[in-house]
């Protein structure tokens, strides 16, 4: 059991038989009475968001998670397949669990897989990834009325907003946490 005061962004805990990851945390101390802790958390299995208020002193169940370094191999219509770099076992991860992260996975990329009781729960991508631009709109000189960015498609199928000077065939660095352009490589 952990105290609710220890629930910071990224902490995973169990509540009512479900696993939650804290997305937002705020601590409020009124003039009198106990402090109030408000969190916004995402259900690790369903992806639903929960907003919950605790009073100071409440406790929640902490969980033991296993982390494995895995290498991305390939995907089919429903699953993404990873290989554990130590045991060489293959793990299948449901496409829905990956959500937006799937757009940044390249073959042979090393990621960290989070397991809870042998079930894959989450993957942690590198902070940035270099991707090749496969389709880019043509930039028109002086076309700055709508901003100085355009959408391009990268080799993994993801759409990224980039500056006008990025062309088809360029390699760009993308921040995997936000999905934004960092630099041209």
N, C-alpha and C. Protein backbone atom coordinates (compact mmCIF):
# COMPACT_ATOMS: atom_id res chain seq x y z
N UNK A 1 0.85 -1.18 0.00
CA UNK A 1 0.00 0.00 0.00
C UNK A 1 0.90 1.25 0.00
N UNK A 2 0.49 2.22 -0.80
CA UNK A 2 1.22 3.48 -0.82
C UNK A 2 0.26 4.61 -0.48
N UNK A 3 0.81 5.65 0.08
CA UNK A 3 0.03 6.82 0.44
C UNK A 3 -0.34 7.60 -0.82
N UNK A 4 -1.51 8.21 -0.87
CA UNK A 4 -1.93 8.94 -2.06
C UNK A 4 -1.06 10.17 -2.31
N UNK A 5 -0.34 10.64 -1.29
CA UNK A 5 0.59 11.75 -1.49
C UNK A 5 1.75 11.36 -2.39
N UNK A 6 2.01 10.05 -2.56
CA UNK A 6 3.08 9.57 -3.42
C UNK A 6 2.64 9.36 -4.86
N UNK A 7 1.38 9.63 -5.17
CA UNK A 7 0.88 9.46 -6.53
C UNK A 7 1.30 10.66 -7.38
N UNK A 8 2.37 10.52 -8.09
CA UNK A 8 2.86 11.55 -8.99
C UNK A 8 2.63 11.10 -10.43
N UNK A 9 2.86 11.98 -11.37
CA UNK A 9 2.66 11.66 -12.79
C UNK A 9 3.51 10.46 -13.17
N UNK A 10 2.86 9.46 -13.80
CA UNK A 10 3.56 8.26 -14.25
C UNK A 10 3.48 7.08 -13.31
N UNK A 11 3.07 7.29 -12.05
CA UNK A 11 2.98 6.20 -11.08
C UNK A 11 1.80 5.30 -11.44
N UNK A 12 2.00 3.99 -11.31
CA UNK A 12 0.95 3.02 -11.60
C UNK A 12 0.49 2.41 -10.29
N UNK A 13 -0.84 2.35 -10.11
CA UNK A 13 -1.41 1.79 -8.88
C UNK A 13 -2.65 0.98 -9.23
N UNK A 14 -3.12 0.21 -8.24
CA UNK A 14 -4.31 -0.61 -8.42
C UNK A 14 -5.45 -0.04 -7.58
N UNK A 15 -6.63 0.05 -8.20
CA UNK A 15 -7.81 0.55 -7.51
C UNK A 15 -9.02 -0.23 -8.03
N UNK A 16 -9.76 -0.85 -7.16
CA UNK A 16 -10.95 -1.64 -7.51
C UNK A 16 -10.65 -2.71 -8.55
N UNK A 17 -9.48 -3.34 -8.45
CA UNK A 17 -9.12 -4.43 -9.35
C UNK A 17 -8.62 -3.99 -10.72
N UNK A 18 -8.46 -2.69 -10.94
CA UNK A 18 -7.96 -2.18 -12.21
C UNK A 18 -6.64 -1.45 -12.00
N UNK A 19 -5.78 -1.47 -13.02
CA UNK A 19 -4.52 -0.74 -12.98
C UNK A 19 -4.69 0.63 -13.60
N UNK A 20 -4.14 1.66 -12.96
CA UNK A 20 -4.23 3.02 -13.44
C UNK A 20 -2.85 3.66 -13.46
N UNK A 21 -2.60 4.50 -14.48
CA UNK A 21 -1.38 5.31 -14.56
C UNK A 21 -1.79 6.76 -14.34
N UNK A 22 -1.12 7.45 -13.41
CA UNK A 22 -1.44 8.83 -13.10
C UNK A 22 -1.00 9.74 -14.24
N UNK A 23 -1.95 10.52 -14.76
CA UNK A 23 -1.66 11.49 -15.82
C UNK A 23 -1.45 12.89 -15.27
N UNK A 24 -2.28 13.27 -14.29
CA UNK A 24 -2.18 14.58 -13.65
C UNK A 24 -2.37 14.41 -12.16
N UNK A 25 -1.70 15.28 -11.38
CA UNK A 25 -1.76 15.21 -9.93
C UNK A 25 -1.81 16.63 -9.39
N UNK A 26 -2.72 16.87 -8.45
CA UNK A 26 -2.73 18.18 -7.79
C UNK A 26 -3.01 17.97 -6.30
N UNK A 27 -2.35 18.78 -5.49
CA UNK A 27 -2.47 18.72 -4.04
C UNK A 27 -3.03 20.06 -3.58
N UNK A 28 -4.15 20.03 -2.83
CA UNK A 28 -4.79 21.26 -2.38
C UNK A 28 -5.00 21.18 -0.87
N UNK A 29 -4.50 22.18 -0.16
CA UNK A 29 -4.66 22.23 1.29
C UNK A 29 -5.57 23.40 1.64
N UNK A 30 -6.84 23.11 1.99
CA UNK A 30 -7.73 24.21 2.39
C UNK A 30 -7.32 24.77 3.75
N UNK A 31 -7.94 25.84 4.14
CA UNK A 31 -7.61 26.50 5.41
C UNK A 31 -7.80 25.59 6.61
N UNK A 32 -8.83 24.80 6.60
CA UNK A 32 -9.03 23.85 7.70
C UNK A 32 -9.38 22.49 7.10
N UNK A 33 -9.11 21.48 7.85
CA UNK A 33 -9.39 20.13 7.38
C UNK A 33 -8.19 19.50 6.70
N UNK A 34 -8.39 18.29 6.21
CA UNK A 34 -7.31 17.55 5.57
C UNK A 34 -7.06 18.06 4.15
N UNK A 35 -5.87 17.77 3.68
CA UNK A 35 -5.51 18.12 2.32
C UNK A 35 -6.29 17.22 1.35
N UNK A 36 -6.50 17.71 0.15
CA UNK A 36 -7.23 16.98 -0.88
C UNK A 36 -6.28 16.73 -2.04
N UNK A 37 -6.23 15.48 -2.50
CA UNK A 37 -5.39 15.11 -3.64
C UNK A 37 -6.31 14.73 -4.78
N UNK A 38 -6.19 15.45 -5.91
CA UNK A 38 -6.99 15.16 -7.10
C UNK A 38 -6.06 14.58 -8.16
N UNK A 39 -6.49 13.47 -8.75
CA UNK A 39 -5.69 12.86 -9.81
C UNK A 39 -6.56 12.62 -11.03
N UNK A 40 -5.89 12.57 -12.17
CA UNK A 40 -6.50 12.12 -13.41
C UNK A 40 -5.65 10.93 -13.82
N UNK A 41 -6.28 9.77 -14.03
CA UNK A 41 -5.53 8.54 -14.30
C UNK A 41 -6.17 7.81 -15.48
N UNK A 42 -5.32 7.04 -16.19
CA UNK A 42 -5.79 6.25 -17.33
C UNK A 42 -5.78 4.78 -16.95
N UNK A 43 -6.89 4.10 -17.23
CA UNK A 43 -6.99 2.66 -17.00
C UNK A 43 -6.06 1.98 -17.99
N UNK A 44 -5.13 1.15 -17.50
CA UNK A 44 -4.12 0.53 -18.35
C UNK A 44 -4.71 -0.53 -19.27
N UNK A 45 -5.84 -1.11 -18.91
CA UNK A 45 -6.42 -2.16 -19.74
C UNK A 45 -7.40 -1.60 -20.77
N UNK A 46 -8.26 -0.67 -20.36
CA UNK A 46 -9.31 -0.18 -21.25
C UNK A 46 -8.98 1.15 -21.90
N UNK A 47 -8.07 1.92 -21.31
CA UNK A 47 -7.71 3.22 -21.85
C UNK A 47 -8.64 4.33 -21.37
N UNK A 48 -9.65 4.01 -20.58
CA UNK A 48 -10.58 5.01 -20.08
C UNK A 48 -9.88 5.92 -19.06
N UNK A 49 -10.34 7.17 -18.99
CA UNK A 49 -9.76 8.13 -18.07
C UNK A 49 -10.64 8.27 -16.84
N UNK A 50 -10.01 8.37 -15.68
CA UNK A 50 -10.71 8.47 -14.40
C UNK A 50 -10.21 9.71 -13.67
N UNK A 51 -11.14 10.49 -13.12
CA UNK A 51 -10.77 11.59 -12.25
C UNK A 51 -11.24 11.22 -10.86
N UNK A 52 -10.32 11.27 -9.89
CA UNK A 52 -10.63 10.81 -8.55
C UNK A 52 -10.06 11.79 -7.54
N UNK A 53 -10.76 11.95 -6.43
CA UNK A 53 -10.32 12.82 -5.35
C UNK A 53 -10.11 11.97 -4.10
N UNK A 54 -8.94 12.14 -3.49
CA UNK A 54 -8.61 11.44 -2.25
C UNK A 54 -8.37 12.48 -1.15
N UNK A 55 -8.57 12.06 0.09
CA UNK A 55 -8.17 12.91 1.21
C UNK A 55 -6.81 12.45 1.69
N UNK A 56 -6.05 13.36 2.25
CA UNK A 56 -4.72 13.04 2.74
C UNK A 56 -4.80 11.91 3.75
N UNK A 57 -3.93 10.93 3.62
CA UNK A 57 -3.94 9.78 4.50
C UNK A 57 -4.53 8.54 3.87
N UNK A 58 -5.30 8.69 2.79
CA UNK A 58 -5.83 7.53 2.07
C UNK A 58 -4.67 6.74 1.48
N UNK A 59 -4.92 5.45 1.25
CA UNK A 59 -3.89 4.60 0.68
C UNK A 59 -4.46 3.81 -0.49
N UNK A 60 -3.60 3.52 -1.47
CA UNK A 60 -3.98 2.70 -2.62
C UNK A 60 -2.96 1.57 -2.75
N UNK A 61 -3.35 0.54 -3.47
CA UNK A 61 -2.49 -0.63 -3.63
C UNK A 61 -1.43 -0.35 -4.70
N UNK A 62 -0.16 -0.51 -4.34
CA UNK A 62 0.89 -0.39 -5.34
C UNK A 62 1.04 -1.72 -6.06
N UNK A 63 1.66 -1.71 -7.22
CA UNK A 63 1.79 -2.91 -8.03
C UNK A 63 3.26 -3.16 -8.35
N UNK A 64 3.57 -4.41 -8.57
CA UNK A 64 4.92 -4.79 -8.97
C UNK A 64 4.89 -5.02 -10.48
N UNK A 65 5.69 -4.25 -11.17
CA UNK A 65 5.76 -4.35 -12.62
C UNK A 65 7.12 -4.88 -13.04
N UNK A 66 7.14 -5.64 -14.12
CA UNK A 66 8.39 -6.15 -14.69
C UNK A 66 8.68 -5.37 -15.96
N UNK A 67 9.94 -5.00 -16.14
CA UNK A 67 10.36 -4.27 -17.33
C UNK A 67 11.34 -5.13 -18.10
N UNK A 68 11.12 -5.24 -19.42
CA UNK A 68 12.01 -6.02 -20.28
C UNK A 68 12.40 -5.18 -21.49
N UNK A 69 13.67 -5.27 -21.86
CA UNK A 69 14.10 -4.64 -23.10
C UNK A 69 13.74 -5.59 -24.23
N UNK A 70 12.99 -5.08 -25.19
CA UNK A 70 12.53 -5.91 -26.30
C UNK A 70 12.84 -5.19 -27.62
N UNK A 71 12.86 -5.99 -28.67
CA UNK A 71 13.13 -5.47 -30.01
C UNK A 71 11.88 -5.68 -30.86
N UNK A 72 11.45 -4.62 -31.54
CA UNK A 72 10.26 -4.70 -32.40
C UNK A 72 10.61 -5.50 -33.64
N UNK A 73 9.77 -6.50 -33.96
CA UNK A 73 10.02 -7.35 -35.12
C UNK A 73 9.11 -7.00 -36.29
N UNK A 74 7.80 -7.18 -36.13
CA UNK A 74 6.85 -6.95 -37.22
C UNK A 74 5.45 -6.85 -36.64
N UNK A 75 4.47 -6.58 -37.52
CA UNK A 75 3.08 -6.56 -37.08
C UNK A 75 2.19 -7.18 -38.15
N UNK A 76 1.03 -7.64 -37.70
CA UNK A 76 0.00 -8.08 -38.63
C UNK A 76 -1.19 -7.13 -38.42
N UNK A 77 -2.36 -7.50 -38.81
CA UNK A 77 -3.49 -6.59 -38.68
C UNK A 77 -3.87 -6.29 -37.24
N UNK A 78 -3.59 -7.19 -36.31
CA UNK A 78 -4.06 -7.00 -34.95
C UNK A 78 -2.96 -6.90 -33.90
N UNK A 79 -1.84 -7.60 -34.09
CA UNK A 79 -0.80 -7.65 -33.07
C UNK A 79 0.53 -7.09 -33.57
N UNK A 80 1.30 -6.55 -32.62
CA UNK A 80 2.68 -6.14 -32.86
C UNK A 80 3.56 -7.13 -32.11
N UNK A 81 4.59 -7.64 -32.77
CA UNK A 81 5.42 -8.69 -32.19
C UNK A 81 6.78 -8.13 -31.80
N UNK A 82 7.19 -8.47 -30.56
CA UNK A 82 8.46 -8.03 -30.00
C UNK A 82 9.24 -9.25 -29.55
N UNK A 83 10.58 -9.13 -29.53
CA UNK A 83 11.42 -10.22 -29.05
C UNK A 83 12.21 -9.72 -27.84
N UNK A 84 12.15 -10.49 -26.75
CA UNK A 84 12.94 -10.18 -25.55
C UNK A 84 14.41 -10.34 -25.90
N UNK A 85 15.22 -9.32 -25.63
CA UNK A 85 16.63 -9.36 -26.03
C UNK A 85 17.47 -10.28 -25.16
N UNK A 86 16.95 -10.71 -24.01
CA UNK A 86 17.70 -11.62 -23.15
C UNK A 86 17.29 -13.07 -23.36
N UNK A 87 16.00 -13.34 -23.42
CA UNK A 87 15.52 -14.72 -23.51
C UNK A 87 15.14 -15.13 -24.93
N UNK A 88 15.05 -14.17 -25.86
CA UNK A 88 14.68 -14.38 -27.24
C UNK A 88 13.25 -14.91 -27.40
N UNK A 89 12.41 -14.73 -26.38
CA UNK A 89 11.00 -15.10 -26.47
C UNK A 89 10.25 -13.99 -27.20
N UNK A 90 9.24 -14.39 -27.98
CA UNK A 90 8.43 -13.40 -28.69
C UNK A 90 7.18 -13.08 -27.87
N UNK A 91 6.84 -11.79 -27.84
CA UNK A 91 5.66 -11.31 -27.12
C UNK A 91 4.77 -10.59 -28.12
N UNK A 92 3.49 -10.93 -28.12
CA UNK A 92 2.52 -10.27 -29.00
C UNK A 92 1.78 -9.21 -28.18
N UNK A 93 1.72 -7.99 -28.71
CA UNK A 93 1.06 -6.88 -28.03
C UNK A 93 -0.09 -6.41 -28.91
N UNK A 94 -1.27 -6.26 -28.31
CA UNK A 94 -2.46 -5.83 -29.05
C UNK A 94 -2.27 -4.42 -29.61
N UNK A 95 -2.73 -4.21 -30.82
CA UNK A 95 -2.60 -2.92 -31.51
C UNK A 95 -3.27 -1.80 -30.72
N UNK A 96 -4.41 -2.08 -30.08
CA UNK A 96 -5.14 -1.06 -29.33
C UNK A 96 -4.38 -0.59 -28.10
N UNK A 97 -3.55 -1.46 -27.51
CA UNK A 97 -2.78 -1.07 -26.34
C UNK A 97 -1.70 -0.05 -26.70
N UNK A 98 -1.15 -0.16 -27.90
CA UNK A 98 -0.08 0.74 -28.32
C UNK A 98 -0.59 2.13 -28.64
N UNK A 99 -1.81 2.23 -29.14
CA UNK A 99 -2.44 3.51 -29.51
C UNK A 99 -1.54 4.30 -30.46
N UNK A 100 -1.16 5.52 -30.09
CA UNK A 100 -0.37 6.39 -30.95
C UNK A 100 1.09 5.97 -31.06
N UNK A 101 1.57 5.18 -30.12
CA UNK A 101 2.98 4.75 -30.15
C UNK A 101 3.30 3.91 -31.38
N UNK A 102 2.31 3.23 -31.93
CA UNK A 102 2.53 2.35 -33.07
C UNK A 102 3.05 3.12 -34.28
N UNK A 103 2.73 4.38 -34.39
CA UNK A 103 3.17 5.19 -35.51
C UNK A 103 4.64 5.53 -35.51
N UNK A 104 5.35 5.21 -34.43
CA UNK A 104 6.77 5.53 -34.34
C UNK A 104 7.64 4.29 -34.25
N UNK A 105 7.06 3.10 -34.39
CA UNK A 105 7.82 1.86 -34.30
C UNK A 105 8.45 1.50 -35.64
N UNK A 106 9.77 1.33 -35.63
CA UNK A 106 10.50 0.88 -36.81
C UNK A 106 11.02 -0.53 -36.52
N UNK A 107 11.20 -1.33 -37.57
CA UNK A 107 11.73 -2.68 -37.38
C UNK A 107 13.09 -2.61 -36.70
N UNK A 108 13.33 -3.57 -35.79
CA UNK A 108 14.56 -3.71 -35.01
C UNK A 108 14.77 -2.62 -33.98
N UNK A 109 13.78 -1.78 -33.71
CA UNK A 109 13.89 -0.73 -32.70
C UNK A 109 13.82 -1.35 -31.31
N UNK A 110 14.68 -0.89 -30.41
CA UNK A 110 14.67 -1.36 -29.02
C UNK A 110 13.74 -0.48 -28.20
N UNK A 111 12.81 -1.10 -27.45
CA UNK A 111 11.89 -0.40 -26.57
C UNK A 111 11.83 -1.13 -25.24
N UNK A 112 11.21 -0.48 -24.24
CA UNK A 112 11.04 -1.11 -22.94
C UNK A 112 9.59 -1.53 -22.79
N UNK A 113 9.36 -2.81 -22.55
CA UNK A 113 8.02 -3.37 -22.41
C UNK A 113 7.70 -3.54 -20.93
N UNK A 114 6.54 -3.05 -20.50
CA UNK A 114 6.09 -3.17 -19.12
C UNK A 114 5.12 -4.34 -19.03
N UNK A 115 5.40 -5.27 -18.11
CA UNK A 115 4.54 -6.44 -17.91
C UNK A 115 3.99 -6.44 -16.49
N UNK A 116 2.73 -6.83 -16.36
CA UNK A 116 2.11 -7.01 -15.05
C UNK A 116 1.57 -8.43 -15.00
N UNK A 117 2.13 -9.25 -14.15
CA UNK A 117 1.78 -10.66 -14.01
C UNK A 117 1.83 -11.37 -15.37
N UNK A 118 2.86 -11.06 -16.15
CA UNK A 118 3.08 -11.71 -17.43
C UNK A 118 2.28 -11.15 -18.59
N UNK A 119 1.43 -10.15 -18.34
CA UNK A 119 0.61 -9.54 -19.39
C UNK A 119 1.21 -8.21 -19.80
N UNK A 120 1.43 -7.98 -21.10
CA UNK A 120 1.96 -6.68 -21.55
C UNK A 120 0.98 -5.55 -21.22
N UNK A 121 1.50 -4.47 -20.65
CA UNK A 121 0.65 -3.35 -20.27
C UNK A 121 0.98 -2.06 -21.02
N UNK A 122 2.26 -1.84 -21.34
CA UNK A 122 2.67 -0.58 -21.93
C UNK A 122 4.05 -0.73 -22.54
N UNK A 123 4.37 0.14 -23.51
CA UNK A 123 5.73 0.19 -24.02
C UNK A 123 6.27 1.60 -23.85
N UNK A 124 7.56 1.69 -23.67
CA UNK A 124 8.22 2.99 -23.54
C UNK A 124 9.18 3.13 -24.71
N UNK A 125 8.89 4.07 -25.58
CA UNK A 125 9.72 4.32 -26.76
C UNK A 125 10.90 5.20 -26.39
N UNK A 126 11.95 5.22 -27.23
CA UNK A 126 13.00 6.21 -27.03
C UNK A 126 12.40 7.60 -27.14
N UNK A 127 13.04 8.60 -26.57
CA UNK A 127 12.51 9.96 -26.59
C UNK A 127 12.35 10.48 -28.01
N UNK A 128 13.32 10.20 -28.87
CA UNK A 128 13.23 10.63 -30.26
C UNK A 128 13.51 9.45 -31.18
N UNK A 129 12.99 9.54 -32.40
CA UNK A 129 13.22 8.50 -33.39
C UNK A 129 13.41 9.18 -34.75
N UNK A 130 14.34 8.65 -35.56
CA UNK A 130 14.59 9.19 -36.89
C UNK A 130 13.76 8.42 -37.91
N UNK A 131 12.95 9.14 -38.68
CA UNK A 131 12.05 8.52 -39.66
C UNK A 131 12.21 9.19 -41.02
N UNK A 132 12.09 8.39 -42.06
CA UNK A 132 12.21 8.90 -43.43
C UNK A 132 10.84 9.38 -43.91
N UNK A 133 10.83 10.55 -44.57
CA UNK A 133 9.60 11.12 -45.12
C UNK A 133 9.30 10.41 -46.44
N UNK A 134 8.12 9.80 -46.55
CA UNK A 134 7.75 9.09 -47.78
C UNK A 134 6.76 9.88 -48.64
N UNK A 135 6.05 10.81 -48.03
CA UNK A 135 5.11 11.64 -48.79
C UNK A 135 5.05 13.01 -48.16
N UNK A 136 5.25 14.04 -49.00
CA UNK A 136 5.20 15.42 -48.51
C UNK A 136 4.46 16.28 -49.53
N UNK A 137 3.65 17.19 -49.04
CA UNK A 137 2.98 18.14 -49.91
C UNK A 137 4.01 19.13 -50.45
N UNK A 138 3.77 19.65 -51.62
CA UNK A 138 4.67 20.66 -52.18
C UNK A 138 4.43 21.98 -51.46
N UNK A 139 5.51 22.64 -51.10
CA UNK A 139 5.41 23.93 -50.43
C UNK A 139 5.37 25.04 -51.47
N UNK A 140 4.48 26.00 -51.28
CA UNK A 140 4.37 27.13 -52.19
C UNK A 140 5.03 28.33 -51.54
N UNK A 141 5.94 28.97 -52.27
CA UNK A 141 6.66 30.12 -51.73
C UNK A 141 5.67 31.24 -51.38
N UNK A 142 5.82 31.79 -50.20
CA UNK A 142 4.94 32.87 -49.77
C UNK A 142 3.64 32.38 -49.16
N UNK A 143 3.44 31.07 -49.08
CA UNK A 143 2.21 30.51 -48.53
C UNK A 143 2.33 30.40 -47.01
N UNK A 144 2.23 31.53 -46.33
CA UNK A 144 2.40 31.53 -44.87
C UNK A 144 1.15 32.01 -44.16
N UNK A 145 0.04 32.12 -44.85
CA UNK A 145 -1.19 32.60 -44.22
C UNK A 145 -1.71 31.61 -43.19
N UNK A 146 -1.46 30.33 -43.40
CA UNK A 146 -1.97 29.32 -42.47
C UNK A 146 -0.88 28.79 -41.55
N UNK A 147 0.24 29.46 -41.47
CA UNK A 147 1.35 28.99 -40.65
C UNK A 147 2.43 28.47 -41.56
N UNK A 148 3.56 28.18 -40.99
CA UNK A 148 4.71 27.77 -41.80
C UNK A 148 4.99 26.28 -41.65
N UNK A 149 3.96 25.47 -41.51
CA UNK A 149 4.14 24.03 -41.40
C UNK A 149 3.27 23.31 -42.43
N UNK A 150 3.62 22.07 -42.66
CA UNK A 150 2.83 21.21 -43.55
C UNK A 150 2.85 19.80 -42.97
N UNK A 151 1.90 18.99 -43.40
CA UNK A 151 1.84 17.59 -42.95
C UNK A 151 2.62 16.72 -43.91
N UNK A 152 3.41 15.79 -43.33
CA UNK A 152 4.11 14.79 -44.13
C UNK A 152 3.79 13.42 -43.56
N UNK A 153 3.95 12.40 -44.38
CA UNK A 153 3.79 11.03 -43.93
C UNK A 153 5.18 10.40 -43.85
N UNK A 154 5.46 9.74 -42.73
CA UNK A 154 6.76 9.09 -42.55
C UNK A 154 6.64 7.60 -42.85
N UNK A 155 7.78 6.92 -42.86
CA UNK A 155 7.83 5.51 -43.28
C UNK A 155 6.96 4.58 -42.46
N UNK A 156 6.61 4.94 -41.25
CA UNK A 156 5.76 4.09 -40.41
C UNK A 156 4.28 4.35 -40.62
N UNK A 157 3.95 5.37 -41.41
CA UNK A 157 2.55 5.71 -41.67
C UNK A 157 2.02 6.84 -40.83
N UNK A 158 2.80 7.34 -39.89
CA UNK A 158 2.37 8.44 -39.02
C UNK A 158 2.40 9.76 -39.78
N UNK A 159 1.53 10.68 -39.37
CA UNK A 159 1.48 12.03 -39.94
C UNK A 159 2.18 12.98 -38.96
N UNK A 160 3.08 13.83 -39.47
CA UNK A 160 3.84 14.74 -38.63
C UNK A 160 3.80 16.13 -39.25
N UNK A 161 3.59 17.17 -38.42
CA UNK A 161 3.66 18.56 -38.86
C UNK A 161 5.13 18.97 -38.90
N UNK A 162 5.58 19.47 -40.05
CA UNK A 162 6.99 19.85 -40.22
C UNK A 162 7.07 21.22 -40.89
N UNK A 163 8.25 21.88 -40.83
CA UNK A 163 8.43 23.14 -41.56
C UNK A 163 8.36 22.92 -43.07
N UNK A 164 8.17 24.00 -43.81
CA UNK A 164 7.99 23.91 -45.26
C UNK A 164 9.21 23.37 -46.00
N UNK A 165 10.42 23.52 -45.45
CA UNK A 165 11.62 23.10 -46.17
C UNK A 165 11.85 21.59 -46.17
N UNK A 166 11.08 20.82 -45.41
CA UNK A 166 11.24 19.36 -45.39
C UNK A 166 10.59 18.78 -46.65
N UNK A 167 11.34 17.93 -47.33
CA UNK A 167 10.88 17.35 -48.59
C UNK A 167 10.80 15.83 -48.50
N UNK A 168 10.16 15.25 -49.50
CA UNK A 168 10.08 13.80 -49.60
C UNK A 168 11.49 13.23 -49.74
N UNK A 169 11.78 12.16 -48.98
CA UNK A 169 13.11 11.55 -49.01
C UNK A 169 14.01 12.01 -47.87
N UNK A 170 13.67 13.13 -47.20
CA UNK A 170 14.45 13.60 -46.05
C UNK A 170 14.23 12.69 -44.86
N UNK A 171 15.18 12.68 -43.96
CA UNK A 171 15.02 11.97 -42.69
C UNK A 171 14.84 13.02 -41.61
N UNK A 172 13.79 12.85 -40.79
CA UNK A 172 13.51 13.81 -39.73
C UNK A 172 13.53 13.12 -38.37
N UNK A 173 13.80 13.89 -37.34
CA UNK A 173 13.77 13.39 -35.97
C UNK A 173 12.45 13.84 -35.35
N UNK A 174 11.72 12.88 -34.74
CA UNK A 174 10.40 13.14 -34.17
C UNK A 174 10.43 12.81 -32.68
N UNK A 175 9.84 13.68 -31.87
CA UNK A 175 9.70 13.44 -30.43
C UNK A 175 8.54 12.47 -30.24
N UNK A 176 8.80 11.28 -29.71
CA UNK A 176 7.77 10.25 -29.58
C UNK A 176 6.74 10.55 -28.49
N UNK A 177 7.07 11.42 -27.55
CA UNK A 177 6.12 11.75 -26.47
C UNK A 177 4.99 12.63 -26.98
N UNK A 178 5.32 13.55 -27.90
CA UNK A 178 4.32 14.49 -28.38
C UNK A 178 4.00 14.32 -29.86
N UNK A 179 4.82 13.59 -30.60
CA UNK A 179 4.61 13.39 -32.02
C UNK A 179 4.98 14.60 -32.85
N UNK A 180 5.85 15.46 -32.32
CA UNK A 180 6.22 16.68 -33.01
C UNK A 180 7.60 16.58 -33.65
N UNK A 181 7.80 17.37 -34.68
CA UNK A 181 9.06 17.47 -35.41
C UNK A 181 10.12 18.10 -34.51
N UNK A 182 11.35 17.56 -34.53
CA UNK A 182 12.45 18.13 -33.77
C UNK A 182 13.46 18.78 -34.71
N UNK A 183 13.99 18.01 -35.66
CA UNK A 183 14.98 18.54 -36.59
C UNK A 183 15.08 17.64 -37.81
N UNK A 184 15.72 18.15 -38.84
CA UNK A 184 16.02 17.34 -40.01
C UNK A 184 17.39 16.73 -39.80
N UNK A 185 17.52 15.45 -40.10
CA UNK A 185 18.78 14.74 -39.85
C UNK A 185 19.59 14.66 -41.12
